[in-house]
Amino acid sequence: MEELKTFLIAVAVFLVAYFAPVGDPRVQSAVLESLYMVQEYAREHVLFCLVPAFFIAGAMQNFISTKSVMRYLGKGAKQWLAYAVASVSGAILAVCSCTILPLFMGIYRKGAGLGPAAAFLYSGPAINVLAIIMTARVLGWKIGLARAIGAVVFSILIGLLMAFIFRGEEAERQKGLASAPDDGDADRTLGQTAAYFAVLVGLLVFAAWGKPPEPIGFFYAVFNFKWLIVLGLLALLAYQLYAWFRRDELGDWVGSTWDFAKKTLPLLLAGVAVAGLLMGRPGVDTGLVPSTYIGRLVGGNSLRANFFAAIVGAFMYFATLTEVPIIQGLLGSGMGQGPALALLLAGPALSLPSMIVIGRTLGLKKTAVFVSLVVVMATMSGMIFGAAIA
């Protein structure tokens, strides 16, 4: 079977190389656009978003006990608390669909139930306070409010449905985790462990803090001083590592971080390259699929328009905050209010790169169900919203 798979891949690569219309100007510009998008992703997201997330995931692997995670997010946890925490996590993290992946992998491997983990996976990039405020200011308070409510409700519903659909497999997984030996850390107090993770999360939040569209307010003030905050947090982290951790523990932490990075980063970069090839960078019409085609298909409030907007949003990669000006431009080109909301609810939470990594973690079946739930709910929400404000 493995040899057949290798053979089919080799044949597919050969056919693409043989028949690809590389002389077509559109294809040439799309290939160049793909490289630009990978470069932009590497410059703006890898160092200040993904690297801190990898270190947090590695810390989860080594310094949080499986039984502790199961107590609060596993089968025996209070479900209302588990879903409440998972559904509002994005308000703190403010990360994109790719940065959330190492954190999701970390809590899932340590014993979080599929439902709360899926809720966390959706809510992390979807419930971004600055993005929601920006949506309300630029696109109108109605769509901003609908995005905020929809994102929280979506995360809970998606988590509950994932847990219900795969309840048999999840029960077996939780049973296996419950019988595992306790891997808790007895060398540090609970307060020390909490402070350590708070510093790591703070580094992720402030290092990735984007520039607000307007030079006023709290968010812009934080942006001006974010590197001073990051330096302070790094100094605090250095003290914690020196005072609270053994050398062998730090080695294990770095090893786990590298393991997450080598399994995730190549897939993300490949996914970003494919997304750039197909659709180009946000706001740049040089991908294989012209943006004018997309604009024509998302007008009005039909089922087709909302479904197409949700599908495009699910596969396209949006860096944090970039979705708002893109949708503003599409609205000016005739996009309906319903499809705009559908894209806002599906786009930031998913992307082709994130789907590839989720598939490696959850498997093809669970990933397909997760993506389908996001697309269907975004489509339905868009239709309801579009009809309500018509």
Protein backbone atom coordinates (compact mmCIF):
# COMPACT_ATOMS: atom_id res chain seq x y z
CA MET A 1 0.00 0.00 0.00
CA GLU A 2 2.82 2.39 0.88
CA GLU A 3 4.58 1.65 -2.40
CA LEU A 4 1.37 2.32 -4.33
CA LYS A 5 0.95 5.63 -2.55
CA THR A 6 4.53 6.61 -3.42
CA PHE A 7 3.99 5.61 -7.04
CA LEU A 8 0.79 7.64 -7.36
CA ILE A 9 2.48 10.71 -5.89
CA ALA A 10 5.36 10.32 -8.34
CA VAL A 11 2.92 10.00 -11.27
CA ALA A 12 0.98 13.08 -10.13
CA VAL A 13 4.16 15.17 -9.85
CA PHE A 14 5.27 14.01 -13.31
CA LEU A 15 1.92 14.88 -14.90
CA VAL A 16 1.89 18.33 -13.31
CA ALA A 17 5.47 18.97 -14.48
CA TYR A 18 4.67 17.72 -18.00
CA PHE A 19 1.39 19.51 -18.63
CA ALA A 20 1.67 22.66 -16.48
CA PRO A 21 1.17 25.77 -18.67
CA VAL A 22 4.22 27.51 -17.25
CA GLY A 23 4.32 29.93 -20.19
CA ASP A 24 0.94 31.43 -19.30
CA PRO A 25 1.39 34.88 -17.70
CA ARG A 26 -1.35 34.12 -15.14
CA VAL A 27 0.44 30.95 -14.05
CA GLN A 28 3.77 32.74 -13.82
CA SER A 29 2.30 35.53 -11.69
CA ALA A 30 0.53 32.96 -9.47
CA VAL A 31 3.80 31.09 -8.85
CA LEU A 32 5.53 34.36 -7.98
CA GLU A 33 2.60 35.31 -5.75
CA SER A 34 2.93 31.99 -3.94
CA LEU A 35 6.59 32.74 -3.16
CA TYR A 36 5.70 36.26 -2.02
CA MET A 37 3.05 34.88 0.32
CA VAL A 38 5.45 32.35 1.86
CA GLN A 39 8.02 35.11 2.37
CA GLU A 40 5.43 37.42 3.93
CA TYR A 41 4.28 34.59 6.21
CA ALA A 42 7.86 33.83 7.27
CA ARG A 43 8.65 37.48 8.00
CA GLU A 44 5.47 38.47 9.82
CA HIS A 45 4.19 35.31 11.52
CA VAL A 46 6.84 32.66 12.12
CA LEU A 47 9.15 34.49 14.55
CA PHE A 48 6.63 36.45 16.60
CA CYS A 49 3.58 34.16 16.40
CA LEU A 50 4.52 30.55 15.70
CA VAL A 51 7.79 30.35 17.64
CA PRO A 52 6.20 31.47 20.95
CA ALA A 53 3.30 29.10 20.26
CA PHE A 54 5.71 26.20 19.70
CA PHE A 55 7.42 26.93 23.03
CA ILE A 56 4.06 27.04 24.81
CA ALA A 57 3.08 23.71 23.24
CA GLY A 58 6.41 22.20 24.31
CA ALA A 59 5.86 23.50 27.84
CA MET A 60 2.40 21.92 27.91
CA GLN A 61 3.95 18.62 26.87
CA ASN A 62 6.47 18.66 29.71
CA PHE A 63 5.19 20.76 32.58
CA ILE A 64 1.41 20.17 32.71
CA SER A 65 0.16 16.83 33.95
CA THR A 66 -2.26 14.85 31.81
CA LYS A 67 -4.56 14.35 34.77
CA SER A 68 -4.72 18.11 35.40
CA VAL A 69 -5.79 18.78 31.83
CA MET A 70 -8.36 15.96 32.01
CA ARG A 71 -9.69 17.36 35.28
CA TYR A 72 -10.57 20.69 33.66
CA LEU A 73 -10.98 19.87 29.95
CA GLY A 74 -11.39 16.09 29.81
CA LYS A 75 -14.30 13.71 30.20
CA GLY A 76 -14.64 14.21 33.94
CA ALA A 77 -14.55 17.99 33.80
CA LYS A 78 -17.55 20.25 34.38
CA GLN A 79 -18.67 20.68 30.79
CA TRP A 80 -20.06 24.18 31.19
CA LEU A 81 -16.72 25.36 32.57
CA ALA A 82 -14.65 23.56 29.94
CA TYR A 83 -16.64 25.00 27.05
CA ALA A 84 -16.85 28.44 28.62
CA VAL A 85 -13.06 28.66 28.94
CA ALA A 86 -12.46 27.28 25.44
CA SER A 87 -15.05 29.51 23.79
CA VAL A 88 -13.63 32.83 25.02
CA SER A 89 -9.92 31.98 24.79
CA GLY A 90 -9.53 34.01 21.61
CA ALA A 91 -10.28 37.20 23.50
CA ILE A 92 -6.95 36.69 25.28
CA LEU A 93 -4.80 35.06 22.61
CA ALA A 94 -5.72 37.09 19.47
CA VAL A 95 -3.93 34.65 17.14
CA CYS A 96 -4.47 33.50 13.55
CA SER A 97 -5.66 30.11 12.31
CA CYS A 98 -2.08 28.80 12.09
CA THR A 99 -0.71 30.10 15.40
CA ILE A 100 -3.52 28.39 17.33
CA LEU A 101 -2.47 24.96 16.01
CA PRO A 102 0.50 24.21 18.32
CA LEU A 103 -1.59 25.28 21.33
CA PHE A 104 -4.48 23.08 20.20
CA MET A 105 -2.12 20.13 19.67
CA GLY A 106 -0.63 20.69 23.11
CA ILE A 107 -3.90 20.57 25.06
CA TYR A 108 -5.35 17.75 22.92
CA ARG A 109 -2.33 15.50 23.41
CA LYS A 110 -2.33 16.17 27.15
CA GLY A 111 -5.89 14.96 27.62
CA ALA A 112 -8.36 17.69 26.66
CA GLY A 113 -11.62 16.26 25.37
CA LEU A 114 -12.31 16.52 21.65
CA GLY A 115 -15.25 18.89 22.27
CA PRO A 116 -13.43 21.54 24.36
CA ALA A 117 -10.32 21.18 22.17
CA ALA A 118 -12.38 21.78 19.01
CA ALA A 119 -14.09 24.76 20.65
CA PHE A 120 -10.65 26.15 21.52
CA LEU A 121 -9.40 25.50 17.97
CA TYR A 122 -12.24 27.55 16.48
CA SER A 123 -12.45 30.30 19.08
CA GLY A 124 -8.72 31.08 19.26
CA PRO A 125 -8.55 32.94 15.95
CA ALA A 126 -12.27 33.78 15.67
CA ILE A 127 -12.83 35.74 18.90
CA ASN A 128 -10.22 38.46 18.51
CA VAL A 129 -11.31 41.56 20.44
CA LEU A 130 -9.40 44.01 18.23
CA ALA A 131 -10.68 42.35 15.03
CA ILE A 132 -14.27 42.48 16.27
CA ILE A 133 -13.94 46.15 17.25
CA MET A 134 -12.37 46.89 13.87
CA THR A 135 -15.21 45.02 12.14
CA ALA A 136 -17.81 47.13 13.95
CA ARG A 137 -16.04 50.42 13.19
CA VAL A 138 -15.31 49.72 9.53
CA LEU A 139 -18.19 47.47 8.44
CA GLY A 140 -20.88 48.61 10.88
CA TRP A 141 -21.98 47.72 14.39
CA LYS A 142 -24.56 45.19 13.22
CA ILE A 143 -22.07 42.93 11.47
CA GLY A 144 -19.54 43.46 14.29
CA LEU A 145 -22.07 42.34 16.90
CA ALA A 146 -23.17 39.42 14.73
CA ARG A 147 -19.53 38.33 14.34
CA ALA A 148 -18.92 38.45 18.10
CA ILE A 149 -22.07 36.50 19.00
CA GLY A 150 -21.65 34.05 16.14
CA ALA A 151 -18.03 33.25 17.02
CA VAL A 152 -18.82 32.42 20.66
CA VAL A 153 -21.93 30.38 19.81
CA PHE A 154 -20.14 28.61 16.96
CA SER A 155 -17.26 27.48 19.14
CA ILE A 156 -19.58 25.90 21.71
CA LEU A 157 -21.84 24.24 19.11
CA ILE A 158 -18.91 22.91 17.09
CA GLY A 159 -17.32 21.49 20.24
CA LEU A 160 -20.54 19.84 21.39
CA LEU A 161 -21.25 18.37 17.95
CA MET A 162 -17.69 17.05 17.54
CA ALA A 163 -17.90 15.43 20.98
CA PHE A 164 -21.29 13.86 20.13
CA ILE A 165 -20.39 12.61 16.65
CA PHE A 166 -17.15 10.97 17.82
CA ARG A 167 -18.32 10.02 21.32
CA GLY A 168 -17.32 6.36 20.92
CA GLU A 169 -13.77 7.05 19.78
CA GLU A 170 -13.39 9.81 22.34
CA ALA A 171 -14.49 7.54 25.20
CA GLU A 172 -11.76 5.04 24.24
CA ARG A 173 -9.16 7.79 23.99
CA GLN A 174 -10.08 9.27 27.37
CA LYS A 175 -9.98 5.80 28.93
CA GLY A 176 -6.44 5.30 27.66
CA LEU A 177 -5.35 8.69 28.94
CA ALA A 178 -6.90 8.04 32.36
CA SER A 179 -4.84 4.86 32.77
CA ALA A 180 -1.58 6.62 31.92
CA PRO A 181 0.87 7.25 34.78
CA ASP A 182 0.72 10.65 36.43
CA ASP A 183 3.26 12.91 34.74
CA GLY A 184 2.72 15.90 36.98
CA ASP A 185 5.53 18.15 38.10
CA ALA A 186 6.32 18.00 41.79
CA ASP A 187 9.32 20.38 41.65
CA ARG A 188 7.25 23.55 41.32
CA THR A 189 4.23 24.92 43.06
CA LEU A 190 0.98 25.50 41.22
CA GLY A 191 1.58 29.25 41.48
CA GLN A 192 5.02 28.97 39.90
CA THR A 193 3.70 26.86 37.02
CA ALA A 194 0.84 29.31 36.45
CA ALA A 195 3.22 32.29 36.48
CA TYR A 196 5.52 30.55 34.01
CA PHE A 197 2.70 29.89 31.54
CA ALA A 198 1.34 33.41 32.04
CA VAL A 199 4.70 34.82 30.92
CA LEU A 200 4.78 32.53 27.87
CA VAL A 201 1.26 33.51 26.87
CA GLY A 202 2.13 37.18 27.46
CA LEU A 203 5.09 36.86 25.10
CA LEU A 204 2.84 35.37 22.43
CA VAL A 205 0.17 38.05 22.84
CA PHE A 206 2.44 41.09 22.88
CA ALA A 207 5.03 39.92 20.33
CA ALA A 208 2.22 39.29 17.85
CA TRP A 209 0.33 42.51 18.73
CA GLY A 210 -0.61 44.08 15.39
CA LYS A 211 -0.80 47.77 14.55
CA PRO A 212 -4.39 49.07 14.86
CA PRO A 213 -5.88 50.89 11.88
CA GLU A 214 -6.24 54.14 13.84
CA PRO A 215 -3.44 55.80 15.91
CA ILE A 216 -5.63 56.26 18.99
CA GLY A 217 -6.91 54.28 21.92
CA PHE A 218 -5.65 51.52 24.19
CA PHE A 219 -4.67 49.08 21.44
CA TYR A 220 -2.44 51.62 19.72
CA ALA A 221 -0.82 52.61 23.03
CA VAL A 222 0.04 48.96 23.68
CA PHE A 223 1.43 48.65 20.15
CA ASN A 224 3.82 51.57 20.78
CA PHE A 225 5.23 49.97 23.92
CA LYS A 226 4.92 46.29 22.99
CA TRP A 227 8.67 45.65 22.59
CA LEU A 228 9.40 47.13 26.03
CA ILE A 229 6.74 44.79 27.43
CA VAL A 230 8.27 41.86 25.53
CA LEU A 231 11.75 42.64 26.88
CA GLY A 232 10.37 42.78 30.41
CA LEU A 233 8.63 39.43 29.97
CA LEU A 234 11.81 37.87 28.53
CA ALA A 235 13.77 39.06 31.56
CA LEU A 236 11.12 37.56 33.87
CA LEU A 237 11.17 34.31 31.90
CA ALA A 238 14.97 34.12 32.17
CA TYR A 239 14.69 34.42 35.95
CA GLN A 240 11.99 31.73 36.11
CA LEU A 241 14.03 29.30 34.01
CA TYR A 242 17.14 29.86 36.13
CA ALA A 243 15.43 29.67 39.50
CA TRP A 244 12.67 27.08 39.00
CA PHE A 245 13.86 24.57 36.37
CA ARG A 246 16.57 21.93 36.17
CA ARG A 247 18.86 21.75 33.15
CA ASP A 248 17.48 18.39 32.03
CA GLU A 249 13.93 19.79 32.17
CA LEU A 250 14.93 22.69 29.94
CA GLY A 251 16.48 20.22 27.51
CA ASP A 252 13.23 18.23 27.38
CA TRP A 253 11.27 21.45 26.84
CA VAL A 254 13.45 22.50 23.90
CA GLY A 255 13.22 18.97 22.49
CA SER A 256 9.42 18.97 22.62
CA THR A 257 9.31 22.45 21.09
CA TRP A 258 11.48 21.30 18.20
CA ASP A 259 9.27 18.24 17.74
CA PHE A 260 6.18 20.43 17.37
CA ALA A 261 8.01 22.79 15.00
CA LYS A 262 9.42 20.14 12.65
CA LYS A 263 6.05 18.38 12.36
CA THR A 264 4.01 21.55 11.87
CA LEU A 265 6.03 24.28 10.16
CA PRO A 266 6.76 22.46 6.84
CA LEU A 267 3.05 21.65 6.44
CA LEU A 268 2.06 25.24 7.20
CA LEU A 269 4.54 26.68 4.71
CA ALA A 270 3.39 24.23 2.04
CA GLY A 271 -0.24 25.14 2.71
CA VAL A 272 0.53 28.87 2.55
CA ALA A 273 2.31 28.34 -0.79
CA VAL A 274 -0.69 26.50 -2.25
CA ALA A 275 -3.12 29.13 -0.92
CA GLY A 276 -1.01 31.88 -2.48
CA LEU A 277 -0.86 30.01 -5.79
CA LEU A 278 -4.63 29.60 -5.96
CA MET A 279 -5.89 32.93 -4.60
CA GLY A 280 -2.89 35.18 -4.13
CA ARG A 281 -2.22 37.35 -1.13
CA PRO A 282 -5.22 39.11 0.39
CA GLY A 283 -5.98 42.16 -1.71
CA VAL A 284 -3.67 41.11 -4.60
CA ASP A 285 -5.38 39.65 -7.68
CA THR A 286 -2.60 37.51 -9.15
CA GLY A 287 -3.59 33.99 -8.08
CA LEU A 288 -4.89 31.30 -10.42
CA VAL A 289 -8.46 32.14 -9.31
CA PRO A 290 -9.21 35.78 -10.23
CA SER A 291 -10.83 37.75 -7.41
CA THR A 292 -13.34 39.18 -9.91
CA TYR A 293 -14.91 35.72 -10.15
CA ILE A 294 -15.26 35.61 -6.40
CA GLY A 295 -16.85 39.07 -6.31
CA ARG A 296 -19.50 38.04 -8.82
CA LEU A 297 -20.51 34.97 -6.82
CA VAL A 298 -21.05 36.60 -3.41
CA GLY A 299 -23.63 39.22 -4.29
CA GLY A 300 -27.10 39.09 -2.73
CA ASN A 301 -28.09 36.72 0.04
CA SER A 302 -28.72 33.43 -1.75
CA LEU A 303 -27.69 30.04 -0.42
CA ARG A 304 -25.08 29.85 -3.18
CA ALA A 305 -23.57 33.24 -2.30
CA ASN A 306 -23.33 32.47 1.42
CA PHE A 307 -21.99 28.95 0.86
CA PHE A 308 -19.39 30.18 -1.63
CA ALA A 309 -18.25 32.93 0.76
CA ALA A 310 -17.89 30.37 3.58
CA ILE A 311 -15.92 27.98 1.34
CA VAL A 312 -13.58 30.70 0.10
CA GLY A 313 -13.08 31.94 3.65
CA ALA A 314 -12.34 28.42 4.90
CA PHE A 315 -9.57 27.81 2.35
CA MET A 316 -8.05 31.28 2.11
CA TYR A 317 -5.37 32.33 4.61
CA PHE A 318 -6.09 35.55 6.53
CA ALA A 319 -3.48 37.06 8.78
CA THR A 320 -4.95 38.71 11.88
CA LEU A 321 -7.02 41.82 11.01
CA THR A 322 -6.53 41.53 7.23
CA GLU A 323 -10.01 40.12 6.69
CA VAL A 324 -11.75 43.42 7.49
CA PRO A 325 -10.30 45.63 4.72
CA ILE A 326 -10.66 42.75 2.24
CA ILE A 327 -14.36 42.37 3.02
CA GLN A 328 -14.76 46.15 2.93
CA GLY A 329 -13.47 46.06 -0.64
CA LEU A 330 -15.74 43.14 -1.56
CA LEU A 331 -18.77 44.94 -0.10
CA GLY A 332 -17.93 47.90 -2.29
CA SER A 333 -17.90 45.54 -5.28
CA GLY A 334 -21.37 44.22 -4.55
CA MET A 335 -20.89 41.56 -1.88
CA GLY A 336 -23.99 40.97 0.24
CA GLN A 337 -24.05 41.53 4.01
CA GLY A 338 -24.90 37.87 4.64
CA PRO A 339 -21.96 36.46 2.65
CA ALA A 340 -19.71 39.03 4.35
CA LEU A 341 -20.63 37.61 7.75
CA ALA A 342 -20.24 34.05 6.45
CA LEU A 343 -16.71 34.85 5.31
CA LEU A 344 -15.91 36.54 8.64
CA LEU A 345 -17.06 33.49 10.61
CA ALA A 346 -15.28 30.91 8.45
CA GLY A 347 -12.21 32.80 7.23
CA PRO A 348 -10.13 33.74 10.29
CA ALA A 349 -10.79 30.38 12.00
CA LEU A 350 -9.73 28.17 9.09
CA SER A 351 -7.27 28.11 6.20
CA LEU A 352 -5.81 25.52 3.87
CA PRO A 353 -2.53 25.42 5.87
CA SER A 354 -4.41 24.88 9.15
CA MET A 355 -6.56 22.12 7.61
CA ILE A 356 -3.42 20.20 6.63
CA VAL A 357 -2.03 20.30 10.18
CA ILE A 358 -5.40 19.53 11.80
CA GLY A 359 -5.63 16.49 9.54
CA ARG A 360 -2.29 15.23 10.85
CA THR A 361 -3.51 15.62 14.44
CA LEU A 362 -7.14 14.50 14.30
CA GLY A 363 -7.22 12.40 11.14
CA LEU A 364 -9.05 12.97 7.87
CA LYS A 365 -12.54 12.07 9.15
CA LYS A 366 -12.56 14.38 12.18
CA THR A 367 -10.98 17.18 10.17
CA ALA A 368 -13.59 16.87 7.42
CA VAL A 369 -16.40 17.02 10.00
CA PHE A 370 -14.83 20.04 11.75
CA VAL A 371 -14.41 21.96 8.49
CA SER A 372 -17.92 21.00 7.34
CA LEU A 373 -19.45 22.24 10.60
CA VAL A 374 -17.68 25.59 10.27
CA VAL A 375 -18.77 26.02 6.64
CA VAL A 376 -22.39 24.96 7.23
CA MET A 377 -22.83 27.15 10.31
CA ALA A 378 -21.20 30.14 8.60
CA THR A 379 -23.51 29.68 5.61
CA MET A 380 -26.64 29.47 7.78
CA SER A 381 -25.60 32.45 9.87
CA GLY A 382 -24.93 34.51 6.78
CA MET A 383 -28.37 33.76 5.34
CA ILE A 384 -30.13 34.57 8.62
CA PHE A 385 -28.16 37.81 9.09
CA GLY A 386 -28.66 38.88 5.50
CA ALA A 387 -32.41 38.30 5.71
CA ALA A 388 -32.67 40.09 9.07
CA ILE A 389 -31.07 43.33 7.91
CA ALA A 390 -32.60 43.35 4.41
